[in-house]
C-alpha atoms as a PDB file:
ATOM      1  CA  MET A   1      -4.811   5.236   3.294  1.00  0.00           C
ATOM      2  CA  ASN A   2      -7.490   2.874   1.713  1.00  0.00           C
ATOM      3  CA  ASP A   3     -11.085   3.493   2.131  1.00  0.00           C
ATOM      4  CA  PHE A   4     -12.060   0.480   4.297  1.00  0.00           C
ATOM      5  CA  SER A   5     -15.655   1.407   4.077  1.00  0.00           C
ATOM      6  CA  SER A   6     -16.169   1.020   0.300  1.00  0.00           C
ATOM      7  CA  SER A   7     -19.284  -0.745  -1.064  1.00  0.00           C
ATOM      8  CA  PHE A   8     -18.463  -3.292  -3.664  1.00  0.00           C
ATOM      9  CA  GLY A   9     -21.939  -3.718  -5.147  1.00  0.00           C
ATOM     10  CA  ILE A  10     -23.405  -7.111  -5.682  1.00  0.00           C
ATOM     11  CA  PRO A  11     -21.344  -9.843  -3.341  1.00  0.00           C
ATOM     12  CA  ALA A  12     -19.041 -12.270  -5.245  1.00  0.00           C
ATOM     13  CA  ILE A  13     -21.355 -15.028  -4.292  1.00  0.00           C
ATOM     14  CA  ALA A  14     -23.866 -13.990  -6.920  1.00  0.00           C
ATOM     15  CA  ASP A  15     -21.219 -14.458  -9.757  1.00  0.00           C
ATOM     16  CA  SER A  16     -20.425 -17.687 -11.367  1.00  0.00           C
ATOM     17  CA  SER A  17     -17.401 -19.475 -10.079  1.00  0.00           C
ATOM     18  CA  VAL A  18     -15.727 -19.251 -13.450  1.00  0.00           C
ATOM     19  CA  ASN A  19     -16.089 -15.437 -13.502  1.00  0.00           C
ATOM     20  CA  ARG A  20     -14.751 -15.162 -10.078  1.00  0.00           C
ATOM     21  CA  ALA A  21     -11.766 -17.356 -10.671  1.00  0.00           C
ATOM     22  CA  LEU A  22     -11.055 -15.269 -13.619  1.00  0.00           C
ATOM     23  CA  PHE A  23     -11.257 -12.089 -11.687  1.00  0.00           C
ATOM     24  CA  ILE A  24      -9.102 -13.420  -9.030  1.00  0.00           C
ATOM     25  CA  ARG A  25      -6.337 -14.305 -11.560  1.00  0.00           C
ATOM     26  CA  ARG A  26      -6.670 -10.877 -13.197  1.00  0.00           C
ATOM     27  CA  THR A  27      -6.412  -9.302  -9.776  1.00  0.00           C
ATOM     28  CA  TYR A  28      -3.204 -10.903  -8.712  1.00  0.00           C
ATOM     29  CA  LEU A  29      -1.660 -10.717 -12.131  1.00  0.00           C
ATOM     30  CA  LEU A  30      -2.365  -6.862 -12.088  1.00  0.00           C
ATOM     31  CA  LEU A  31      -0.916  -6.833  -8.427  1.00  0.00           C
ATOM     32  CA  ALA A  32       2.240  -8.467  -9.703  1.00  0.00           C
ATOM     33  CA  PHE A  33       2.405  -6.014 -12.520  1.00  0.00           C
ATOM     34  CA  ALA A  34       1.803  -3.238 -10.041  1.00  0.00           C
ATOM     35  CA  ILE A  35       4.616  -4.276  -7.897  1.00  0.00           C
ATOM     36  CA  ALA A  36       7.176  -4.708 -10.791  1.00  0.00           C
ATOM     37  CA  ALA A  37       6.063  -1.254 -12.141  1.00  0.00           C
ATOM     38  CA  PHE A  38       6.754   0.149  -8.534  1.00  0.00           C
ATOM     39  CA  ILE A  39      10.213  -1.263  -8.555  1.00  0.00           C
ATOM     40  CA  LEU A  40      11.077   0.097 -12.072  1.00  0.00           C
ATOM     41  CA  VAL A  41       9.857   3.463 -11.352  1.00  0.00           C
ATOM     42  CA  GLU A  42      11.796   3.602  -8.011  1.00  0.00           C
ATOM     43  CA  ALA A  43      15.070   2.425  -9.893  1.00  0.00           C
ATOM     44  CA  PHE A  44      14.462   5.023 -12.512  1.00  0.00           C
ATOM     45  CA  LEU A  45      14.009   7.781  -9.939  1.00  0.00           C
ATOM     46  CA  PHE A  46      17.508   6.722  -8.367  1.00  0.00           C
ATOM     47  CA  VAL A  47      19.277   6.311 -11.506  1.00  0.00           C
ATOM     48  CA  SER A  48      18.174   9.416 -13.116  1.00  0.00           C
ATOM     49  CA  GLY A  49      18.928  11.495  -9.942  1.00  0.00           C
ATOM     50  CA  ALA A  50      15.338  12.396  -9.435  1.00  0.00           C
ATOM     51  CA  ALA A  51      15.531  10.676  -6.097  1.00  0.00           C
ATOM     52  CA  ASN A  52      18.120  13.105  -4.744  1.00  0.00           C
ATOM     53  CA  LEU A  53      16.118  16.144  -5.659  1.00  0.00           C
ATOM     54  CA  ILE A  54      12.824  14.405  -4.188  1.00  0.00           C
ATOM     55  CA  ALA A  55      14.720  13.545  -0.944  1.00  0.00           C
ATOM     56  CA  SER A  56      16.454  16.854  -0.577  1.00  0.00           C
ATOM     57  CA  ALA A  57      13.147  18.744  -1.093  1.00  0.00           C
ATOM     58  CA  ILE A  58      11.544  16.679   1.637  1.00  0.00           C
ATOM     59  CA  PHE A  59      14.426  16.659   4.205  1.00  0.00           C
ATOM     60  CA  THR A  60      15.150  20.467   3.700  1.00  0.00           C
ATOM     61  CA  GLY A  61      11.411  21.248   4.339  1.00  0.00           C
ATOM     62  CA  GLY A  62      11.545  19.470   7.868  1.00  0.00           C
ATOM     63  CA  SER A  63       8.160  18.599   9.499  1.00  0.00           C
ATOM     64  CA  LEU A  64       6.339  20.896   7.109  1.00  0.00           C
ATOM     65  CA  GLY A  65       7.905  18.996   4.226  1.00  0.00           C
ATOM     66  CA  TRP A  66       6.805  15.617   5.537  1.00  0.00           C
ATOM     67  CA  LEU A  67       3.182  17.042   6.141  1.00  0.00           C
ATOM     68  CA  LEU A  68       3.032  18.392   2.613  1.00  0.00           C
ATOM     69  CA  VAL A  69       4.115  15.302   1.146  1.00  0.00           C
ATOM     70  CA  LEU A  70       1.805  13.324   3.272  1.00  0.00           C
ATOM     71  CA  GLY A  71      -1.104  15.692   2.366  1.00  0.00           C
ATOM     72  CA  LEU A  72      -0.206  15.486  -1.246  1.00  0.00           C
ATOM     73  CA  PHE A  73       0.041  11.444  -1.263  1.00  0.00           C
ATOM     74  CA  MET A  74      -3.534  11.503   0.414  1.00  0.00           C
ATOM     75  CA  GLY A  75      -5.017  13.717  -2.336  1.00  0.00           C
ATOM     76  CA  VAL A  76      -3.275  11.565  -5.102  1.00  0.00           C
ATOM     77  CA  SER A  77      -4.356   8.357  -3.383  1.00  0.00           C
ATOM     78  CA  PHE A  78      -8.007   9.581  -3.330  1.00  0.00           C
ATOM     79  CA  LEU A  79      -8.052  10.745  -7.040  1.00  0.00           C
ATOM     80  CA  ALA A  80      -6.185   7.347  -8.067  1.00  0.00           C
ATOM     81  CA  ASN A  81      -8.737   5.445  -6.121  1.00  0.00           C
ATOM     82  CA  ARG A  82     -11.897   7.255  -7.708  1.00  0.00           C
ATOM     83  CA  TRP A  83     -10.295   6.679 -11.280  1.00  0.00           C
ATOM     84  CA  ALA A  84      -9.591   2.871 -10.459  1.00  0.00           C
ATOM     85  CA  THR A  85     -13.287   2.405  -9.270  1.00  0.00           C
ATOM     86  CA  SER A  86     -14.658   4.266 -12.096  1.00  0.00           C
ATOM     87  CA  GLU A  87     -17.121   2.439 -14.478  1.00  0.00           C
ATOM     88  CA  THR A  88     -17.149   4.829 -17.362  1.00  0.00           C
ATOM     89  CA  SER A  89     -13.853   3.682 -18.789  1.00  0.00           C
ATOM     90  CA  VAL A  90     -11.189   0.945 -18.068  1.00  0.00           C
ATOM     91  CA  LEU A  91      -8.412   3.231 -19.339  1.00  0.00           C
ATOM     92  CA  THR A  92      -9.285   5.611 -16.470  1.00  0.00           C
ATOM     93  CA  GLN A  93      -9.086   2.729 -14.088  1.00  0.00           C
ATOM     94  CA  TYR A  94      -5.632   1.916 -15.129  1.00  0.00           C
ATOM     95  CA  MET A  95      -4.590   5.455 -15.176  1.00  0.00           C
ATOM     96  CA  GLY A  96      -5.553   5.504 -11.503  1.00  0.00           C
ATOM     97  CA  LEU A  97      -3.445   2.525 -10.751  1.00  0.00           C
ATOM     98  CA  GLY A  98      -0.679   4.150 -12.569  1.00  0.00           C
ATOM     99  CA  VAL A  99      -0.724   7.331 -10.946  1.00  0.00           C
ATOM    100  CA  PHE A 100      -0.975   5.504  -7.505  1.00  0.00           C
ATOM    101  CA  ILE A 101       2.046   3.500  -8.087  1.00  0.00           C
ATOM    102  CA  ILE A 102       4.022   6.659  -9.181  1.00  0.00           C
ATOM    103  CA  ALA A 103       2.757   8.389  -6.047  1.00  0.00           C
ATOM    104  CA  GLU A 104       4.027   5.514  -3.956  1.00  0.00           C
ATOM    105  CA  ALA A 105       7.399   5.513  -5.546  1.00  0.00           C
ATOM    106  CA  VAL A 106       7.756   9.092  -4.864  1.00  0.00           C
ATOM    107  CA  ILE A 107       6.914   8.825  -1.162  1.00  0.00           C
ATOM    108  CA  PHE A 108       9.208   5.755  -0.763  1.00  0.00           C
ATOM    109  CA  VAL A 109      12.296   7.777  -1.909  1.00  0.00           C
ATOM    110  CA  PRO A 110      13.317   9.072   1.502  1.00  0.00           C
ATOM    111  CA  LEU A 111      12.996   5.715   3.331  1.00  0.00           C
ATOM    112  CA  ILE A 112      14.863   3.779   0.528  1.00  0.00           C
ATOM    113  CA  MET A 113      17.572   6.331   0.510  1.00  0.00           C
ATOM    114  CA  ILE A 114      17.966   6.004   4.200  1.00  0.00           C
ATOM    115  CA  SER A 115      18.183   2.227   3.735  1.00  0.00           C
ATOM    116  CA  ILE A 116      20.698   2.386   1.067  1.00  0.00           C
ATOM    117  CA  TYR A 117      23.053   4.935   2.496  1.00  0.00           C
ATOM    118  CA  PHE A 118      22.539   4.714   6.336  1.00  0.00           C
ATOM    119  CA  SER A 119      21.224   1.431   7.484  1.00  0.00           C
ATOM    120  CA  GLY A 120      24.806  -0.298   7.403  1.00  0.00           C
ATOM    121  CA  ASP A 121      23.317  -3.356   5.595  1.00  0.00           C
ATOM    122  CA  PRO A 122      23.306  -3.468   1.750  1.00  0.00           C
ATOM    123  CA  THR A 123      20.665  -6.338   1.811  1.00  0.00           C
ATOM    124  CA  VAL A 124      18.196  -4.609   4.128  1.00  0.00           C
ATOM    125  CA  LEU A 125      15.831  -3.866   0.977  1.00  0.00           C
ATOM    126  CA  VAL A 126      16.097  -7.492   0.039  1.00  0.00           C
ATOM    127  CA  LYS A 127      15.268  -8.743   3.394  1.00  0.00           C
ATOM    128  CA  ALA A 128      12.618  -6.361   3.736  1.00  0.00           C
ATOM    129  CA  GLY A 129      11.010  -7.804   0.623  1.00  0.00           C
ATOM    130  CA  ILE A 130      11.328 -11.264   1.593  1.00  0.00           C
ATOM    131  CA  VAL A 131       9.566 -10.549   4.883  1.00  0.00           C
ATOM    132  CA  THR A 132       7.018  -8.681   3.228  1.00  0.00           C
ATOM    133  CA  LEU A 133       6.305 -11.319   0.688  1.00  0.00           C
ATOM    134  CA  GLY A 134       6.238 -14.044   3.274  1.00  0.00           C
ATOM    135  CA  LEU A 135       3.592 -12.260   5.368  1.00  0.00           C
ATOM    136  CA  PHE A 136       1.486 -11.411   2.391  1.00  0.00           C
ATOM    137  CA  LEU A 137       1.474 -15.013   0.984  1.00  0.00           C
ATOM    138  CA  GLY A 138       0.573 -16.137   4.703  1.00  0.00           C
ATOM    139  CA  ILE A 139      -2.302 -13.995   5.071  1.00  0.00           C
ATOM    140  CA  THR A 140      -3.457 -14.653   1.519  1.00  0.00           C
ATOM    141  CA  ALA A 141      -3.536 -18.349   2.136  1.00  0.00           C
ATOM    142  CA  THR A 142      -5.209 -18.032   5.348  1.00  0.00           C
ATOM    143  CA  VAL A 143      -8.142 -16.321   3.510  1.00  0.00           C
ATOM    144  CA  PHE A 144      -8.254 -18.653   0.435  1.00  0.00           C
ATOM    145  CA  ILE A 145      -8.137 -21.923   2.705  1.00  0.00           C
ATOM    146  CA  THR A 146     -10.600 -20.892   5.232  1.00  0.00           C
ATOM    147  CA  ARG A 147     -12.881 -18.944   2.994  1.00  0.00           C
ATOM    148  CA  SER A 148     -13.729 -16.774   5.725  1.00  0.00           C
ATOM    149  CA  ASP A 149     -15.327 -13.184   5.355  1.00  0.00           C
ATOM    150  CA  PHE A 150     -13.654 -10.623   7.057  1.00  0.00           C
ATOM    151  CA  SER A 151     -15.654  -7.712   6.016  1.00  0.00           C
ATOM    152  CA  PHE A 152     -16.216  -6.847   9.497  1.00  0.00           C
ATOM    153  CA  LEU A 153     -12.477  -5.464   9.681  1.00  0.00           C
ATOM    154  CA  GLY A 154     -13.591  -2.528   7.682  1.00  0.00           C
ATOM    155  CA  PRO A 155     -14.695  -0.112  10.475  1.00  0.00           C
ATOM    156  CA  ILE A 156     -11.810  -1.003  12.645  1.00  0.00           C
ATOM    157  CA  LEU A 157      -9.361  -0.543   9.864  1.00  0.00           C
ATOM    158  CA  ALA A 158     -11.106   3.127   9.082  1.00  0.00           C
ATOM    159  CA  ILE A 159     -10.849   4.162  12.659  1.00  0.00           C
ATOM    160  CA  GLY A 160      -7.387   2.753  13.020  1.00  0.00           C
ATOM    161  CA  GLY A 161      -6.113   4.488  10.050  1.00  0.00           C
ATOM    162  CA  PHE A 162      -7.397   7.929  11.245  1.00  0.00           C
ATOM    163  CA  VAL A 163      -5.587   7.403  14.408  1.00  0.00           C
ATOM    164  CA  ALA A 164      -2.305   6.285  12.859  1.00  0.00           C
ATOM    165  CA  LEU A 165      -2.455   9.433  10.648  1.00  0.00           C
ATOM    166  CA  GLY A 166      -3.108  11.591  13.744  1.00  0.00           C
ATOM    167  CA  PHE A 167       0.201  10.028  15.219  1.00  0.00           C
ATOM    168  CA  ILE A 168       2.040  10.571  12.099  1.00  0.00           C
ATOM    169  CA  ALA A 169       0.992  14.094  11.892  1.00  0.00           C
ATOM    170  CA  ALA A 170       1.882  15.084  15.644  1.00  0.00           C
ATOM    171  CA  SER A 171       4.970  13.414  15.056  1.00  0.00           C
ATOM    172  CA  ALA A 172       6.051  15.522  12.059  1.00  0.00           C
ATOM    173  CA  ILE A 173       4.580  18.741  13.914  1.00  0.00           C
ATOM    174  CA  PHE A 174       6.215  18.197  17.328  1.00  0.00           C
ATOM    175  CA  GLY A 175       9.297  16.327  16.142  1.00  0.00           C
ATOM    176  CA  PHE A 176       9.209  13.398  18.324  1.00  0.00           C
ATOM    177  CA  SER A 177       9.946   9.807  17.112  1.00  0.00           C
ATOM    178  CA  LEU A 178       7.239   7.214  16.895  1.00  0.00           C
ATOM    179  CA  GLY A 179       9.727   4.496  17.554  1.00  0.00           C
ATOM    180  CA  THR A 180       9.715   0.701  16.777  1.00  0.00           C
ATOM    181  CA  LEU A 181       6.592  -0.260  18.880  1.00  0.00           C
ATOM    182  CA  PHE A 182       4.439   2.018  16.500  1.00  0.00           C
ATOM    183  CA  ALA A 183       6.199   0.439  13.416  1.00  0.00           C
ATOM    184  CA  PHE A 184       5.215  -3.008  14.872  1.00  0.00           C
ATOM    185  CA  VAL A 185       1.636  -2.034  15.554  1.00  0.00           C
ATOM    186  CA  MET A 186       1.524  -0.521  11.807  1.00  0.00           C
ATOM    187  CA  VAL A 187       2.881  -4.090  10.437  1.00  0.00           C
ATOM    188  CA  ALA A 188      -0.072  -5.593  12.243  1.00  0.00           C
ATOM    189  CA  PHE A 189      -2.302  -2.958  10.869  1.00  0.00           C
ATOM    190  CA  ALA A 190      -0.994  -3.620   7.256  1.00  0.00           C
ATOM    191  CA  GLY A 191      -1.564  -7.263   7.671  1.00  0.00           C
ATOM    192  CA  SER A 192      -5.026  -6.729   8.755  1.00  0.00           C
ATOM    193  CA  ALA A 193      -5.655  -4.388   5.933  1.00  0.00           C
ATOM    194  CA  ILE A 194      -4.298  -7.165   3.616  1.00  0.00           C
ATOM    195  CA  LEU A 195      -6.819  -9.696   5.149  1.00  0.00           C
ATOM    196  CA  TYR A 196      -9.728  -7.563   4.701  1.00  0.00           C
ATOM    197  CA  GLU A 197      -8.821  -6.510   0.988  1.00  0.00           C
ATOM    198  CA  THR A 198      -8.207 -10.247   0.226  1.00  0.00           C
ATOM    199  CA  SER A 199     -11.619 -11.316   1.809  1.00  0.00           C
ATOM    200  CA  ASN A 200     -13.181  -8.643  -0.448  1.00  0.00           C
ATOM    201  CA  VAL A 201     -11.405 -10.045  -3.462  1.00  0.00           C
ATOM    202  CA  LEU A 202     -12.962 -13.601  -2.484  1.00  0.00           C
ATOM    203  CA  HIS A 203     -16.342 -12.120  -1.391  1.00  0.00           C
ATOM    204  CA  ARG A 204     -17.231  -8.589  -2.009  1.00  0.00           C
ATOM    205  CA  PHE A 205     -15.545  -7.099  -5.353  1.00  0.00           C
ATOM    206  CA  ASN A 206     -17.673  -7.471  -8.441  1.00  0.00           C
ATOM    207  CA  THR A 207     -15.873  -9.439 -11.075  1.00  0.00           C
ATOM    208  CA  ASN A 208     -15.108  -6.184 -13.314  1.00  0.00           C
ATOM    209  CA  GLN A 209     -13.196  -4.581 -10.554  1.00  0.00           C
ATOM    210  CA  HIS A 210     -10.102  -6.371 -10.802  1.00  0.00           C
ATOM    211  CA  VAL A 211      -8.096  -2.887 -11.254  1.00  0.00           C
ATOM    212  CA  ALA A 212      -9.650  -1.624  -8.042  1.00  0.00           C
ATOM    213  CA  ALA A 213      -9.078  -4.651  -6.206  1.00  0.00           C
ATOM    214  CA  ALA A 214      -5.285  -4.719  -7.295  1.00  0.00           C
ATOM    215  CA  LEU A 215      -4.898  -1.159  -6.211  1.00  0.00           C
ATOM    216  CA  THR A 216      -6.206  -1.701  -2.775  1.00  0.00           C
ATOM    217  CA  LEU A 217      -4.043  -4.755  -2.292  1.00  0.00           C
ATOM    218  CA  PHE A 218      -1.058  -2.918  -3.702  1.00  0.00           C
ATOM    219  CA  ALA A 219      -1.739  -0.133  -1.219  1.00  0.00           C
ATOM    220  CA  SER A 220      -1.592  -2.660   1.686  1.00  0.00           C
ATOM    221  CA  VAL A 221       1.497  -4.303   0.462  1.00  0.00           C
ATOM    222  CA  ALA A 222       3.276  -1.116   0.113  1.00  0.00           C
ATOM    223  CA  LEU A 223       2.199  -0.201   3.622  1.00  0.00           C
ATOM    224  CA  LEU A 224       3.497  -3.545   5.035  1.00  0.00           C
ATOM    225  CA  PHE A 225       6.678  -3.147   3.189  1.00  0.00           C
ATOM    226  CA  TRP A 226       7.267   0.423   4.445  1.00  0.00           C
ATOM    227  CA  TYR A 227       7.150  -0.501   8.117  1.00  0.00           C
ATOM    228  CA  VAL A 228       8.890  -3.779   7.822  1.00  0.00           C
ATOM    229  CA  LEU A 229      11.779  -1.793   6.147  1.00  0.00           C
ATOM    230  CA  SER A 230      11.461   0.756   8.862  1.00  0.00           C
ATOM    231  CA  ILE A 231      12.002  -1.861  11.716  1.00  0.00           C
ATOM    232  CA  LEU A 232      15.076  -3.375   9.919  1.00  0.00           C
ATOM    233  CA  ASN A 233      16.514  -0.012   9.492  1.00  0.00           C
ATOM    234  CA  ARG A 234      15.963   0.661  13.428  1.00  0.00           C
ATOM    235  CA  ARG A 235      17.735  -2.668  13.855  1.00  0.00           C
ATOM    236  CA  ASN A 236      20.712  -1.645  11.923  1.00  0.00           C
END
């Protein structure tokens, strides 16, 4: 889960337009690279057979397995975010992004396996990707066209994130399904997170923080894809 209360130092408005444009270009190129790397890592996990081992370990563990995975993912996400925002080394920043991409690929294994083998729709992953891309482009265009500052969403997203984690943990512990309504709410949450992060790219991030900016956007896009795919799986 993103740290929606992060401080980004000197606001972007203090930077030159040339530096800001270069920063934005680097951020979105790195985001595209992160998405491509995620797809390649995910494909490797399935081709190599590692995905079967990961899914088996999670499914065998039941509720405890999911809670353990969630806890590990949150820990890795925190570490990756710390590295990505490091001001001591550019290499450390890229290592943070790389670790986060791998962690996302691992946690997506069970959902993608369900989509491939049990959804009944061989194109469900492509459909989810198209829907996610469309929503992302629409939200991004809204921010860049209006030039609005959505930083006020930070505290709201932070509280909403903790509430969502509480529901997810309760679902794993007590064994109840969160249902389609929760998935739609989380799609709205992820969309709001993209709105917030895109606004930060435009107004808040310093121009040397393209790795951290790309990581936060990637995390929000991945969250959006997760719940779009979950909704499509339920429809099938």
